[in-house]
Amino acid sequence: MKKVLLFLSIILLTTVGWAQSPEKMSYQAIVRDAKGNLVLNQQIGMRISIIQGSIDGNAVYSELQTPTTNSNGLVTMIIGTGVTSNDLASVDWTQGPYFIKM
């Protein structure tokens, strides 16, 4: 019985060790202009913000990226790799809810 409890304890501790906050997040979007037309094969500027508490809450993280859309208007980014003055890993995810603003 002691061996079973030891084994389960080790599994639990290992699992908790993997449950860490993200340092990067994948993001994809279809980009359209003001008239609703797809923006094809163009570099665009995007500001990404992580907002805490409510949609109108405070930005706890913000970055700027300049990705290029593909031939279908799709843009793919990794949030956490843009130009920023702070670190995505410093966001305290236990203090949510959080919203992503583009």
N, C-alpha and C. Protein backbone atom coordinates (compact mmCIF):
# COMPACT_ATOMS: atom_id res chain seq x y z
N MET A 1 0.82 -1.20 0.00
CA MET A 1 0.00 0.00 0.00
C MET A 1 0.86 1.26 0.00
N LYS A 2 1.97 1.22 0.75
CA LYS A 2 2.86 2.38 0.80
C LYS A 2 3.47 2.65 -0.56
N LYS A 3 3.77 1.58 -1.32
CA LYS A 3 4.34 1.77 -2.64
C LYS A 3 3.34 2.42 -3.60
N VAL A 4 2.09 2.04 -3.48
CA VAL A 4 1.04 2.63 -4.33
C VAL A 4 0.90 4.12 -4.01
N LEU A 5 0.88 4.48 -2.73
CA LEU A 5 0.75 5.88 -2.34
C LEU A 5 1.98 6.68 -2.79
N LEU A 6 3.15 6.10 -2.68
CA LEU A 6 4.37 6.76 -3.14
C LEU A 6 4.31 6.99 -4.65
N PHE A 7 3.90 6.00 -5.38
CA PHE A 7 3.79 6.11 -6.83
C PHE A 7 2.79 7.20 -7.22
N LEU A 8 1.61 7.21 -6.60
CA LEU A 8 0.61 8.23 -6.89
C LEU A 8 1.09 9.63 -6.52
N SER A 9 1.82 9.75 -5.43
CA SER A 9 2.38 11.04 -5.03
C SER A 9 3.38 11.55 -6.06
N ILE A 10 4.22 10.68 -6.57
CA ILE A 10 5.20 11.07 -7.58
C ILE A 10 4.50 11.51 -8.86
N ILE A 11 3.48 10.78 -9.28
CA ILE A 11 2.72 11.16 -10.48
C ILE A 11 2.07 12.52 -10.28
N LEU A 12 1.46 12.76 -9.13
CA LEU A 12 0.81 14.03 -8.85
C LEU A 12 1.81 15.18 -8.87
N LEU A 13 2.95 15.02 -8.24
CA LEU A 13 3.95 16.08 -8.22
C LEU A 13 4.51 16.36 -9.62
N THR A 14 4.68 15.32 -10.41
CA THR A 14 5.16 15.51 -11.78
C THR A 14 4.13 16.28 -12.60
N THR A 15 2.88 15.96 -12.46
CA THR A 15 1.81 16.64 -13.20
C THR A 15 1.73 18.11 -12.81
N VAL A 16 1.84 18.43 -11.54
CA VAL A 16 1.79 19.81 -11.07
C VAL A 16 2.97 20.59 -11.63
N GLY A 17 4.11 19.97 -11.76
CA GLY A 17 5.29 20.62 -12.32
C GLY A 17 5.12 21.04 -13.77
N TRP A 18 4.26 20.36 -14.52
CA TRP A 18 4.03 20.71 -15.93
C TRP A 18 2.98 21.80 -16.08
N ALA A 19 2.21 22.08 -15.08
CA ALA A 19 1.12 23.05 -15.17
C ALA A 19 1.65 24.45 -14.92
N GLN A 20 2.32 25.01 -15.93
CA GLN A 20 2.92 26.33 -15.82
C GLN A 20 2.20 27.32 -16.72
N SER A 21 2.35 28.59 -16.43
CA SER A 21 1.76 29.64 -17.24
C SER A 21 2.41 29.65 -18.62
N PRO A 22 1.64 30.02 -19.65
CA PRO A 22 2.21 30.05 -21.00
C PRO A 22 3.17 31.22 -21.17
N GLU A 23 4.23 31.01 -21.91
CA GLU A 23 5.12 32.10 -22.27
C GLU A 23 4.85 32.56 -23.69
N LYS A 24 4.13 31.73 -24.44
CA LYS A 24 3.75 32.06 -25.82
C LYS A 24 2.40 31.41 -26.11
N MET A 25 1.62 32.05 -27.01
CA MET A 25 0.33 31.51 -27.42
C MET A 25 0.20 31.66 -28.93
N SER A 26 -0.29 30.63 -29.60
CA SER A 26 -0.55 30.70 -31.03
C SER A 26 -1.83 31.48 -31.28
N TYR A 27 -1.85 32.22 -32.38
CA TYR A 27 -3.03 33.00 -32.73
C TYR A 27 -3.14 33.08 -34.25
N GLN A 28 -4.35 32.87 -34.77
CA GLN A 28 -4.62 33.01 -36.20
C GLN A 28 -5.88 33.85 -36.37
N ALA A 29 -5.90 34.62 -37.46
CA ALA A 29 -7.08 35.44 -37.76
C ALA A 29 -7.16 35.68 -39.25
N ILE A 30 -8.37 35.93 -39.72
CA ILE A 30 -8.60 36.38 -41.09
C ILE A 30 -8.69 37.90 -41.02
N VAL A 31 -7.93 38.59 -41.88
CA VAL A 31 -7.87 40.04 -41.85
C VAL A 31 -8.67 40.61 -43.01
N ARG A 32 -9.55 41.56 -42.69
CA ARG A 32 -10.38 42.25 -43.69
C ARG A 32 -10.21 43.76 -43.53
N ASP A 33 -10.40 44.47 -44.63
CA ASP A 33 -10.34 45.93 -44.56
C ASP A 33 -11.69 46.49 -44.13
N ALA A 34 -11.82 47.82 -44.12
CA ALA A 34 -13.05 48.47 -43.65
C ALA A 34 -14.26 48.12 -44.51
N LYS A 35 -14.04 47.74 -45.77
CA LYS A 35 -15.14 47.38 -46.66
C LYS A 35 -15.49 45.90 -46.60
N GLY A 36 -14.75 45.15 -45.80
CA GLY A 36 -15.01 43.72 -45.66
C GLY A 36 -14.23 42.85 -46.64
N ASN A 37 -13.33 43.45 -47.42
CA ASN A 37 -12.52 42.69 -48.36
C ASN A 37 -11.32 42.08 -47.66
N LEU A 38 -10.93 40.89 -48.09
CA LEU A 38 -9.76 40.23 -47.51
C LEU A 38 -8.50 41.04 -47.81
N VAL A 39 -7.61 41.12 -46.84
CA VAL A 39 -6.31 41.76 -47.02
C VAL A 39 -5.34 40.64 -47.38
N LEU A 40 -4.91 40.60 -48.64
CA LEU A 40 -4.12 39.49 -49.17
C LEU A 40 -2.66 39.86 -49.33
N ASN A 41 -1.78 38.98 -48.85
CA ASN A 41 -0.33 39.09 -49.06
C ASN A 41 0.22 40.46 -48.71
N GLN A 42 -0.19 40.99 -47.56
CA GLN A 42 0.28 42.30 -47.13
C GLN A 42 0.76 42.24 -45.69
N GLN A 43 1.80 43.04 -45.42
CA GLN A 43 2.25 43.16 -44.04
C GLN A 43 1.30 44.12 -43.32
N ILE A 44 0.91 43.74 -42.11
CA ILE A 44 -0.02 44.55 -41.32
C ILE A 44 0.59 44.79 -39.95
N GLY A 45 0.09 45.77 -39.25
CA GLY A 45 0.51 46.03 -37.88
C GLY A 45 -0.61 45.63 -36.93
N MET A 46 -0.25 44.92 -35.88
CA MET A 46 -1.25 44.50 -34.89
C MET A 46 -0.72 44.75 -33.48
N ARG A 47 -1.55 45.38 -32.66
CA ARG A 47 -1.24 45.51 -31.24
C ARG A 47 -2.09 44.49 -30.50
N ILE A 48 -1.44 43.67 -29.71
CA ILE A 48 -2.10 42.64 -28.93
C ILE A 48 -2.00 43.02 -27.46
N SER A 49 -3.12 43.00 -26.76
CA SER A 49 -3.13 43.32 -25.33
C SER A 49 -3.86 42.23 -24.57
N ILE A 50 -3.35 41.91 -23.39
CA ILE A 50 -4.03 41.02 -22.45
C ILE A 50 -4.67 41.93 -21.41
N ILE A 51 -6.01 41.88 -21.34
CA ILE A 51 -6.78 42.77 -20.47
C ILE A 51 -7.28 41.97 -19.27
N GLN A 52 -7.13 42.53 -18.08
CA GLN A 52 -7.52 41.83 -16.85
C GLN A 52 -8.85 42.34 -16.31
N GLY A 53 -9.67 41.40 -15.85
CA GLY A 53 -10.89 41.74 -15.11
C GLY A 53 -12.14 41.82 -15.94
N SER A 54 -12.14 42.69 -16.95
CA SER A 54 -13.30 42.86 -17.82
C SER A 54 -12.80 43.34 -19.18
N ILE A 55 -13.71 43.45 -20.12
CA ILE A 55 -13.33 43.89 -21.46
C ILE A 55 -12.73 45.29 -21.42
N ASP A 56 -13.17 46.11 -20.48
CA ASP A 56 -12.67 47.47 -20.33
C ASP A 56 -11.61 47.59 -19.24
N GLY A 57 -11.05 46.45 -18.79
CA GLY A 57 -10.09 46.46 -17.70
C GLY A 57 -8.72 46.98 -18.10
N ASN A 58 -7.76 46.81 -17.21
CA ASN A 58 -6.40 47.28 -17.43
C ASN A 58 -5.60 46.29 -18.26
N ALA A 59 -4.77 46.80 -19.14
CA ALA A 59 -3.88 45.96 -19.93
C ALA A 59 -2.69 45.55 -19.05
N VAL A 60 -2.51 44.24 -18.84
CA VAL A 60 -1.39 43.76 -18.04
C VAL A 60 -0.23 43.32 -18.95
N TYR A 61 -0.50 43.24 -20.25
CA TYR A 61 0.54 42.89 -21.21
C TYR A 61 0.14 43.48 -22.55
N SER A 62 1.11 43.99 -23.30
CA SER A 62 0.84 44.54 -24.61
C SER A 62 2.07 44.35 -25.50
N GLU A 63 1.84 44.05 -26.77
CA GLU A 63 2.95 43.91 -27.71
C GLU A 63 2.52 44.35 -29.09
N LEU A 64 3.48 44.62 -29.95
CA LEU A 64 3.23 45.02 -31.32
C LEU A 64 3.88 44.00 -32.24
N GLN A 65 3.12 43.54 -33.27
CA GLN A 65 3.66 42.62 -34.26
C GLN A 65 3.33 43.13 -35.65
N THR A 66 4.14 42.74 -36.63
CA THR A 66 3.91 43.13 -38.02
C THR A 66 3.95 41.89 -38.92
N PRO A 67 2.95 41.01 -38.80
CA PRO A 67 2.92 39.80 -39.62
C PRO A 67 2.43 40.11 -41.03
N THR A 68 2.60 39.13 -41.93
CA THR A 68 2.13 39.24 -43.31
C THR A 68 1.01 38.24 -43.53
N THR A 69 -0.08 38.70 -44.13
CA THR A 69 -1.19 37.81 -44.44
C THR A 69 -0.82 36.91 -45.62
N ASN A 70 -1.49 35.78 -45.76
CA ASN A 70 -1.24 34.89 -46.89
C ASN A 70 -2.25 35.17 -48.01
N SER A 71 -2.29 34.32 -48.99
CA SER A 71 -3.17 34.53 -50.15
C SER A 71 -4.65 34.34 -49.83
N ASN A 72 -4.96 33.90 -48.62
CA ASN A 72 -6.35 33.76 -48.17
C ASN A 72 -6.73 34.79 -47.11
N GLY A 73 -5.82 35.72 -46.82
CA GLY A 73 -6.08 36.72 -45.80
C GLY A 73 -5.79 36.25 -44.39
N LEU A 74 -5.19 35.07 -44.25
CA LEU A 74 -4.90 34.48 -42.93
C LEU A 74 -3.58 35.00 -42.41
N VAL A 75 -3.57 35.39 -41.15
CA VAL A 75 -2.35 35.78 -40.47
C VAL A 75 -2.15 34.83 -39.29
N THR A 76 -0.91 34.39 -39.11
CA THR A 76 -0.55 33.49 -38.02
C THR A 76 0.54 34.17 -37.20
N MET A 77 0.34 34.21 -35.87
CA MET A 77 1.31 34.85 -34.98
C MET A 77 1.52 33.99 -33.74
N ILE A 78 2.59 34.29 -33.06
CA ILE A 78 2.84 33.71 -31.74
C ILE A 78 2.83 34.88 -30.76
N ILE A 79 1.76 34.96 -29.96
CA ILE A 79 1.68 36.02 -28.95
C ILE A 79 2.76 35.74 -27.91
N GLY A 80 3.54 36.75 -27.61
CA GLY A 80 4.65 36.61 -26.67
C GLY A 80 5.99 36.79 -27.37
N THR A 81 5.97 36.98 -28.69
CA THR A 81 7.22 37.15 -29.45
C THR A 81 7.32 38.51 -30.11
N GLY A 82 6.37 39.41 -29.85
CA GLY A 82 6.37 40.72 -30.48
C GLY A 82 7.24 41.71 -29.73
N VAL A 83 7.21 42.95 -30.20
CA VAL A 83 7.95 44.03 -29.57
C VAL A 83 7.15 44.50 -28.36
N THR A 84 7.76 44.41 -27.19
CA THR A 84 7.06 44.73 -25.95
C THR A 84 8.04 45.26 -24.92
N SER A 85 7.51 45.89 -23.89
CA SER A 85 8.35 46.36 -22.79
C SER A 85 8.18 45.50 -21.54
N ASN A 86 7.30 44.49 -21.63
CA ASN A 86 7.10 43.60 -20.48
C ASN A 86 7.12 42.15 -20.94
N ASP A 87 6.85 41.22 -20.03
CA ASP A 87 7.03 39.80 -20.30
C ASP A 87 5.71 39.06 -20.08
N LEU A 88 5.29 38.26 -21.07
CA LEU A 88 4.05 37.50 -20.95
C LEU A 88 4.10 36.53 -19.78
N ALA A 89 5.27 36.02 -19.44
CA ALA A 89 5.39 35.08 -18.32
C ALA A 89 5.13 35.76 -16.98
N SER A 90 5.16 37.10 -16.95
CA SER A 90 4.93 37.81 -15.68
C SER A 90 3.45 38.01 -15.37
N VAL A 91 2.55 37.65 -16.31
CA VAL A 91 1.11 37.78 -16.07
C VAL A 91 0.69 36.75 -15.03
N ASP A 92 0.01 37.20 -13.99
CA ASP A 92 -0.48 36.30 -12.94
C ASP A 92 -1.85 35.77 -13.36
N TRP A 93 -1.85 34.60 -14.00
CA TRP A 93 -3.07 34.04 -14.58
C TRP A 93 -4.11 33.65 -13.54
N THR A 94 -3.74 33.58 -12.26
CA THR A 94 -4.71 33.24 -11.22
C THR A 94 -5.61 34.42 -10.89
N GLN A 95 -5.28 35.61 -11.39
CA GLN A 95 -6.04 36.82 -11.07
C GLN A 95 -7.03 37.18 -12.19
N GLY A 96 -7.49 36.20 -12.96
CA GLY A 96 -8.38 36.41 -14.10
C GLY A 96 -9.78 36.82 -13.70
N PRO A 97 -10.68 36.97 -14.64
CA PRO A 97 -10.54 36.55 -16.02
C PRO A 97 -9.69 37.52 -16.84
N TYR A 98 -9.21 37.01 -17.99
CA TYR A 98 -8.42 37.80 -18.91
C TYR A 98 -9.07 37.78 -20.29
N PHE A 99 -8.85 38.84 -21.04
CA PHE A 99 -9.38 38.97 -22.39
C PHE A 99 -8.23 39.38 -23.31
N ILE A 100 -8.29 38.94 -24.58
CA ILE A 100 -7.29 39.33 -25.57
C ILE A 100 -7.91 40.39 -26.46
N LYS A 101 -7.22 41.51 -26.57
CA LYS A 101 -7.68 42.61 -27.41
C LYS A 101 -6.71 42.75 -28.57
N MET A 102 -7.26 42.82 -29.78
CA MET A 102 -6.43 42.96 -30.99
C MET A 102 -6.62 44.32 -31.59
